[in-house]
Amino acid sequence: MNLSKLSDHDKHEKNPFLEKAIQAVEGGVVKKYRSSSSYDQRAVLQAVDPKTGEVLGHTSFIRQIEVDEEKFTKFYLSNFSAFFDLKTSAIKVFGHILNQLRPGEDMFLFFVKDCIKYTGYKTSKPIYEGLSHLVSSEIIARGRADNIYFINPLIVFNGNRVTFARSYVKRKREVNKKQMNLFEEKKALDLREKTKALQEKLDRKNIH
């Protein structure tokens, strides 16, 4: 892998890995079925003799549950090869990054001084080299500011990726809906203004 400077890599307003990650996560969702446990009485119907109160039988519902098969691992084996050629500085920097990841979030803040303290390096040079190598390996991506970065959810994620994916898709739809409503409102406003202008023109003609 050719070494590059951190500044050579683009900055991003949003996580550049998300669209691909969402498709991969939703495509890998596994539907499982399990019967209700004895502790979940809400999922059980009981037939009771009204005279004696004796339980004659019960029906246990089957519940469908969607799970991420890799839910309990921080690293996802299907893309683990991204770490094979990492330099020592990149591995150390990534160790610091893991401590910054918040549950259910794909963005993290990075402070060089904190990373220097964690890694034990004396200068910031190996820190930036490590960051650049992680970006080149598509494990992380630069955000819009120098201390903002995005994690690649296909490689590592702190939380349930199914829940994260569904939340992202829902937010995206809501934003698109709002944008469409604003577009429709603008069209209606333009139409009203044109109608008003035409009516004023007709009124002036009638006066003369």
C-alpha atoms as a PDB file:
ATOM      1  CA  MET A   1       0.000   0.000   0.000  1.00  0.00           C
ATOM      2  CA  ASN A   2       1.376   3.409  -0.962  1.00  0.00           C
ATOM      3  CA  LEU A   3       1.797   5.708   2.005  1.00  0.00           C
ATOM      4  CA  SER A   4      -0.088   8.988   1.826  1.00  0.00           C
ATOM      5  CA  LYS A   5      -0.530  12.032   3.990  1.00  0.00           C
ATOM      6  CA  LEU A   6      -3.755  12.510   5.929  1.00  0.00           C
ATOM      7  CA  SER A   7      -4.396  15.747   4.053  1.00  0.00           C
ATOM      8  CA  ASP A   8      -4.442  13.789   0.777  1.00  0.00           C
ATOM      9  CA  HIS A   9      -7.740  12.198   1.779  1.00  0.00           C
ATOM     10  CA  ASP A  10     -11.105  13.873   1.200  1.00  0.00           C
ATOM     11  CA  LYS A  11     -13.286  15.235   3.966  1.00  0.00           C
ATOM     12  CA  HIS A  12     -16.927  14.138   4.141  1.00  0.00           C
ATOM     13  CA  GLU A  13     -20.145  15.739   5.365  1.00  0.00           C
ATOM     14  CA  LYS A  14     -21.590  12.295   6.129  1.00  0.00           C
ATOM     15  CA  ASN A  15     -20.278   8.761   6.536  1.00  0.00           C
ATOM     16  CA  PRO A  16     -19.144   7.579   3.072  1.00  0.00           C
ATOM     17  CA  PHE A  17     -19.441   3.922   4.119  1.00  0.00           C
ATOM     18  CA  LEU A  18     -23.103   4.104   5.158  1.00  0.00           C
ATOM     19  CA  GLU A  19     -25.005   3.246   1.968  1.00  0.00           C
ATOM     20  CA  LYS A  20     -22.938   0.132   1.356  1.00  0.00           C
ATOM     21  CA  ALA A  21     -23.078  -0.809   5.030  1.00  0.00           C
ATOM     22  CA  ILE A  22     -26.874  -0.457   5.215  1.00  0.00           C
ATOM     23  CA  GLN A  23     -27.311  -2.721   2.188  1.00  0.00           C
ATOM     24  CA  ALA A  24     -24.939  -5.313   3.626  1.00  0.00           C
ATOM     25  CA  VAL A  25     -26.536  -5.285   7.079  1.00  0.00           C
ATOM     26  CA  GLU A  26     -30.111  -5.504   5.819  1.00  0.00           C
ATOM     27  CA  GLY A  27     -29.088  -8.211   3.368  1.00  0.00           C
ATOM     28  CA  GLY A  28     -27.558 -10.215   6.205  1.00  0.00           C
ATOM     29  CA  VAL A  29     -30.449  -9.973   8.665  1.00  0.00           C
ATOM     30  CA  VAL A  30     -31.495 -13.400   9.842  1.00  0.00           C
ATOM     31  CA  LYS A  31     -35.066 -14.077  10.925  1.00  0.00           C
ATOM     32  CA  LYS A  32     -35.313 -16.501  13.803  1.00  0.00           C
ATOM     33  CA  TYR A  33     -38.308 -17.992  15.532  1.00  0.00           C
ATOM     34  CA  ARG A  34     -38.694 -18.914  19.165  1.00  0.00           C
ATOM     35  CA  SER A  35     -41.598 -19.715  21.414  1.00  0.00           C
ATOM     36  CA  SER A  36     -42.427 -17.473  24.319  1.00  0.00           C
ATOM     37  CA  SER A  37     -40.700 -18.272  27.591  1.00  0.00           C
ATOM     38  CA  SER A  38     -42.499 -19.198  30.767  1.00  0.00           C
ATOM     39  CA  TYR A  39     -41.631 -15.725  32.037  1.00  0.00           C
ATOM     40  CA  ASP A  40     -43.502 -13.933  29.258  1.00  0.00           C
ATOM     41  CA  GLN A  41     -47.124 -14.504  30.244  1.00  0.00           C
ATOM     42  CA  ARG A  42     -48.350 -11.902  27.759  1.00  0.00           C
ATOM     43  CA  ALA A  43     -47.588 -14.324  24.920  1.00  0.00           C
ATOM     44  CA  VAL A  44     -49.612 -17.182  26.450  1.00  0.00           C
ATOM     45  CA  LEU A  45     -53.363 -17.840  26.237  1.00  0.00           C
ATOM     46  CA  GLN A  46     -54.750 -20.083  28.959  1.00  0.00           C
ATOM     47  CA  ALA A  47     -57.999 -22.044  28.980  1.00  0.00           C
ATOM     48  CA  VAL A  48     -59.436 -22.009  32.503  1.00  0.00           C
ATOM     49  CA  ASP A  49     -62.432 -23.921  33.939  1.00  0.00           C
ATOM     50  CA  PRO A  50     -64.727 -21.092  35.192  1.00  0.00           C
ATOM     51  CA  LYS A  51     -66.070 -23.288  38.010  1.00  0.00           C
ATOM     52  CA  THR A  52     -62.888 -24.735  39.468  1.00  0.00           C
ATOM     53  CA  GLY A  53     -60.268 -22.302  38.175  1.00  0.00           C
ATOM     54  CA  GLU A  54     -58.300 -25.260  36.871  1.00  0.00           C
ATOM     55  CA  VAL A  55     -56.033 -24.501  33.914  1.00  0.00           C
ATOM     56  CA  LEU A  56     -57.154 -26.849  31.162  1.00  0.00           C
ATOM     57  CA  GLY A  57     -54.486 -25.911  28.639  1.00  0.00           C
ATOM     58  CA  HIS A  58     -52.598 -23.053  27.063  1.00  0.00           C
ATOM     59  CA  THR A  59     -51.425 -21.803  23.695  1.00  0.00           C
ATOM     60  CA  SER A  60     -47.946 -20.387  23.318  1.00  0.00           C
ATOM     61  CA  PHE A  61     -47.401 -17.983  20.437  1.00  0.00           C
ATOM     62  CA  ILE A  62     -44.321 -18.155  18.256  1.00  0.00           C
ATOM     63  CA  ARG A  63     -42.507 -14.841  17.981  1.00  0.00           C
ATOM     64  CA  GLN A  64     -40.380 -13.849  15.007  1.00  0.00           C
ATOM     65  CA  ILE A  65     -37.193 -12.068  15.944  1.00  0.00           C
ATOM     66  CA  GLU A  66     -34.724 -10.328  13.644  1.00  0.00           C
ATOM     67  CA  VAL A  67     -31.144 -10.574  14.785  1.00  0.00           C
ATOM     68  CA  ASP A  68     -27.736  -9.628  13.525  1.00  0.00           C
ATOM     69  CA  GLU A  69     -25.700 -12.829  13.568  1.00  0.00           C
ATOM     70  CA  GLU A  70     -22.585 -10.795  14.390  1.00  0.00           C
ATOM     71  CA  LYS A  71     -24.303  -8.700  17.027  1.00  0.00           C
ATOM     72  CA  PHE A  72     -21.965  -9.631  19.858  1.00  0.00           C
ATOM     73  CA  THR A  73     -18.664  -9.085  18.059  1.00  0.00           C
ATOM     74  CA  LYS A  74     -16.944  -5.749  17.707  1.00  0.00           C
ATOM     75  CA  PHE A  75     -15.016  -6.817  14.593  1.00  0.00           C
ATOM     76  CA  TYR A  76     -16.796  -8.381  11.620  1.00  0.00           C
ATOM     77  CA  LEU A  77     -14.871 -11.302  10.201  1.00  0.00           C
ATOM     78  CA  SER A  78     -16.080 -10.851   6.620  1.00  0.00           C
ATOM     79  CA  ASN A  79     -13.999  -7.652   6.382  1.00  0.00           C
ATOM     80  CA  PHE A  80     -11.274  -8.448   8.894  1.00  0.00           C
ATOM     81  CA  SER A  81      -8.679  -8.577   6.104  1.00  0.00           C
ATOM     82  CA  ALA A  82      -8.612  -4.762   6.215  1.00  0.00           C
ATOM     83  CA  PHE A  83      -6.352  -5.116   9.271  1.00  0.00           C
ATOM     84  CA  PHE A  84      -3.853  -7.537   7.737  1.00  0.00           C
ATOM     85  CA  ASP A  85      -1.377  -4.955   6.405  1.00  0.00           C
ATOM     86  CA  LEU A  86      -1.785  -2.218   8.986  1.00  0.00           C
ATOM     87  CA  LYS A  87       1.364  -0.530  10.270  1.00  0.00           C
ATOM     88  CA  THR A  88       2.093  -0.617  13.982  1.00  0.00           C
ATOM     89  CA  SER A  89       1.220   3.075  14.294  1.00  0.00           C
ATOM     90  CA  ALA A  90      -2.185   2.458  12.674  1.00  0.00           C
ATOM     91  CA  ILE A  91      -2.931  -0.429  15.047  1.00  0.00           C
ATOM     92  CA  LYS A  92      -2.027   1.683  18.079  1.00  0.00           C
ATOM     93  CA  VAL A  93      -4.104   4.624  16.847  1.00  0.00           C
ATOM     94  CA  PHE A  94      -7.016   2.296  16.167  1.00  0.00           C
ATOM     95  CA  GLY A  95      -6.766   0.983  19.724  1.00  0.00           C
ATOM     96  CA  HIS A  96      -7.354   4.541  20.909  1.00  0.00           C
ATOM     97  CA  ILE A  97     -10.239   4.948  18.452  1.00  0.00           C
ATOM     98  CA  LEU A  98     -11.988   1.881  19.863  1.00  0.00           C
ATOM     99  CA  ASN A  99     -12.146   3.665  23.206  1.00  0.00           C
ATOM    100  CA  GLN A 100     -13.860   6.643  21.554  1.00  0.00           C
ATOM    101  CA  LEU A 101     -16.674   4.707  19.871  1.00  0.00           C
ATOM    102  CA  ARG A 102     -20.033   5.390  21.474  1.00  0.00           C
ATOM    103  CA  PRO A 103     -22.843   2.787  21.329  1.00  0.00           C
ATOM    104  CA  GLY A 104     -24.993   3.087  18.220  1.00  0.00           C
ATOM    105  CA  GLU A 105     -22.984   5.911  16.634  1.00  0.00           C
ATOM    106  CA  ASP A 106     -20.841   5.893  13.495  1.00  0.00           C
ATOM    107  CA  MET A 107     -18.991   9.148  14.197  1.00  0.00           C
ATOM    108  CA  PHE A 108     -16.259   9.818  16.742  1.00  0.00           C
ATOM    109  CA  LEU A 109     -14.112  12.745  17.854  1.00  0.00           C
ATOM    110  CA  PHE A 110     -10.353  12.408  17.675  1.00  0.00           C
ATOM    111  CA  PHE A 111      -7.901  14.463  19.713  1.00  0.00           C
ATOM    112  CA  VAL A 112      -4.222  14.041  18.907  1.00  0.00           C
ATOM    113  CA  LYS A 113      -3.007  14.829  22.437  1.00  0.00           C
ATOM    114  CA  ASP A 114      -5.240  12.116  23.894  1.00  0.00           C
ATOM    115  CA  CYS A 115      -3.978   9.629  21.311  1.00  0.00           C
ATOM    116  CA  ILE A 116      -0.337  10.512  22.071  1.00  0.00           C
ATOM    117  CA  LYS A 117      -1.006   9.804  25.736  1.00  0.00           C
ATOM    118  CA  TYR A 118      -2.695   6.470  24.899  1.00  0.00           C
ATOM    119  CA  THR A 119      -0.069   5.240  22.435  1.00  0.00           C
ATOM    120  CA  GLY A 120       3.000   6.508  24.262  1.00  0.00           C
ATOM    121  CA  TYR A 121       4.408   8.236  21.191  1.00  0.00           C
ATOM    122  CA  LYS A 122       6.535  11.315  21.814  1.00  0.00           C
ATOM    123  CA  THR A 123       5.342  13.304  18.764  1.00  0.00           C
ATOM    124  CA  SER A 124       2.230  13.572  16.607  1.00  0.00           C
ATOM    125  CA  LYS A 125       3.943  12.327  13.421  1.00  0.00           C
ATOM    126  CA  PRO A 126       3.195   8.580  13.933  1.00  0.00           C
ATOM    127  CA  ILE A 127      -0.354   9.518  14.973  1.00  0.00           C
ATOM    128  CA  TYR A 128      -1.058  11.193  11.651  1.00  0.00           C
ATOM    129  CA  GLU A 129       0.676   8.357   9.799  1.00  0.00           C
ATOM    130  CA  GLY A 130      -1.569   5.875  11.586  1.00  0.00           C
ATOM    131  CA  LEU A 131      -4.691   7.907  10.822  1.00  0.00           C
ATOM    132  CA  SER A 132      -3.740   8.158   7.156  1.00  0.00           C
ATOM    133  CA  HIS A 133      -3.179   4.399   6.959  1.00  0.00           C
ATOM    134  CA  LEU A 134      -6.569   3.712   8.570  1.00  0.00           C
ATOM    135  CA  VAL A 135      -8.263   6.046   6.084  1.00  0.00           C
ATOM    136  CA  SER A 136      -6.440   4.420   3.144  1.00  0.00           C
ATOM    137  CA  SER A 137      -7.620   1.015   4.384  1.00  0.00           C
ATOM    138  CA  GLU A 138     -11.229   2.303   4.502  1.00  0.00           C
ATOM    139  CA  ILE A 139     -11.539   1.507   8.187  1.00  0.00           C
ATOM    140  CA  ILE A 140     -12.278   5.139   8.987  1.00  0.00           C
ATOM    141  CA  ALA A 141     -12.999   8.295   6.945  1.00  0.00           C
ATOM    142  CA  ARG A 142     -12.360  11.967   7.583  1.00  0.00           C
ATOM    143  CA  GLY A 143     -15.286  14.150   8.626  1.00  0.00           C
ATOM    144  CA  ARG A 144     -15.909  17.810   7.830  1.00  0.00           C
ATOM    145  CA  ALA A 145     -13.577  19.017  10.607  1.00  0.00           C
ATOM    146  CA  ASP A 146     -10.064  17.878  11.460  1.00  0.00           C
ATOM    147  CA  ASN A 147     -11.132  16.126  14.667  1.00  0.00           C
ATOM    148  CA  ILE A 148     -14.251  14.430  13.257  1.00  0.00           C
ATOM    149  CA  TYR A 149     -14.079  10.940  11.779  1.00  0.00           C
ATOM    150  CA  PHE A 150     -16.476   8.213  10.662  1.00  0.00           C
ATOM    151  CA  ILE A 151     -16.115   4.511  11.380  1.00  0.00           C
ATOM    152  CA  ASN A 152     -16.871   1.866   8.758  1.00  0.00           C
ATOM    153  CA  PRO A 153     -19.791  -0.174  10.233  1.00  0.00           C
ATOM    154  CA  LEU A 154     -18.931  -3.099   7.967  1.00  0.00           C
ATOM    155  CA  ILE A 155     -15.650  -3.565   9.812  1.00  0.00           C
ATOM    156  CA  VAL A 156     -16.278  -2.503  13.393  1.00  0.00           C
ATOM    157  CA  PHE A 157     -19.284  -1.151  15.259  1.00  0.00           C
ATOM    158  CA  ASN A 158     -20.254  -0.641  18.883  1.00  0.00           C
ATOM    159  CA  GLY A 159     -23.875  -1.725  19.100  1.00  0.00           C
ATOM    160  CA  ASN A 160     -26.616  -3.435  17.143  1.00  0.00           C
ATOM    161  CA  ARG A 161     -26.135  -2.739  13.445  1.00  0.00           C
ATOM    162  CA  VAL A 162     -29.717  -3.742  12.567  1.00  0.00           C
ATOM    163  CA  THR A 163     -31.154  -1.095  14.892  1.00  0.00           C
ATOM    164  CA  PHE A 164     -28.620   1.434  13.613  1.00  0.00           C
ATOM    165  CA  ALA A 165     -29.454   0.652   9.977  1.00  0.00           C
ATOM    166  CA  ARG A 166     -33.211   0.915  10.517  1.00  0.00           C
ATOM    167  CA  SER A 167     -32.815   4.225  12.378  1.00  0.00           C
ATOM    168  CA  TYR A 168     -30.683   5.660   9.588  1.00  0.00           C
ATOM    169  CA  VAL A 169     -33.117   4.606   6.855  1.00  0.00           C
ATOM    170  CA  LYS A 170     -36.046   6.051   8.833  1.00  0.00           C
ATOM    171  CA  ARG A 171     -34.275   9.394   9.350  1.00  0.00           C
ATOM    172  CA  LYS A 172     -33.365   9.541   5.676  1.00  0.00           C
ATOM    173  CA  ARG A 173     -36.985   8.958   4.626  1.00  0.00           C
ATOM    174  CA  GLU A 174     -38.224  11.618   7.037  1.00  0.00           C
ATOM    175  CA  VAL A 175     -35.724  14.148   5.645  1.00  0.00           C
ATOM    176  CA  ASN A 176     -36.688  13.308   2.065  1.00  0.00           C
ATOM    177  CA  LYS A 177     -40.363  13.689   2.956  1.00  0.00           C
ATOM    178  CA  LYS A 178     -39.742  17.105   4.501  1.00  0.00           C
ATOM    179  CA  GLN A 179     -37.772  18.180   1.440  1.00  0.00           C
ATOM    180  CA  MET A 180     -40.607  17.036  -0.812  1.00  0.00           C
ATOM    181  CA  ASN A 181     -43.155  18.922   1.293  1.00  0.00           C
ATOM    182  CA  LEU A 182     -41.052  22.106   1.034  1.00  0.00           C
ATOM    183  CA  PHE A 183     -40.832  21.610  -2.731  1.00  0.00           C
ATOM    184  CA  GLU A 184     -44.606  21.205  -3.008  1.00  0.00           C
ATOM    185  CA  GLU A 185     -45.176  24.257  -0.808  1.00  0.00           C
ATOM    186  CA  LYS A 186     -42.881  26.336  -3.017  1.00  0.00           C
ATOM    187  CA  LYS A 187     -44.707  25.177  -6.143  1.00  0.00           C
ATOM    188  CA  ALA A 188     -48.046  26.110  -4.583  1.00  0.00           C
ATOM    189  CA  LEU A 189     -46.699  29.523  -3.532  1.00  0.00           C
ATOM    190  CA  ASP A 190     -45.335  30.197  -7.034  1.00  0.00           C
ATOM    191  CA  LEU A 191     -48.688  29.215  -8.533  1.00  0.00           C
ATOM    192  CA  ARG A 192     -50.565  31.541  -6.163  1.00  0.00           C
ATOM    193  CA  GLU A 193     -48.221  34.425  -7.018  1.00  0.00           C
ATOM    194  CA  LYS A 194     -48.633  33.828 -10.753  1.00  0.00           C
ATOM    195  CA  THR A 195     -52.418  33.637 -10.380  1.00  0.00           C
ATOM    196  CA  LYS A 196     -52.443  36.854  -8.354  1.00  0.00           C
ATOM    197  CA  ALA A 197     -50.269  38.649 -10.943  1.00  0.00           C
ATOM    198  CA  LEU A 198     -52.539  37.468 -13.768  1.00  0.00           C
ATOM    199  CA  GLN A 199     -55.648  38.613 -11.900  1.00  0.00           C
ATOM    200  CA  GLU A 200     -54.108  42.054 -11.281  1.00  0.00           C
ATOM    201  CA  LYS A 201     -53.274  42.338 -14.961  1.00  0.00           C
ATOM    202  CA  LEU A 202     -56.854  41.464 -15.934  1.00  0.00           C
ATOM    203  CA  ASP A 203     -58.229  43.949 -13.405  1.00  0.00           C
ATOM    204  CA  ARG A 204     -56.090  46.737 -14.892  1.00  0.00           C
ATOM    205  CA  LYS A 205     -57.381  45.901 -18.380  1.00  0.00           C
ATOM    206  CA  ASN A 206     -60.985  46.023 -17.178  1.00  0.00           C
ATOM    207  CA  ILE A 207     -60.403  49.415 -15.566  1.00  0.00           C
ATOM    208  CA  HIS A 208     -59.101  50.887 -18.800  1.00  0.00           C
END
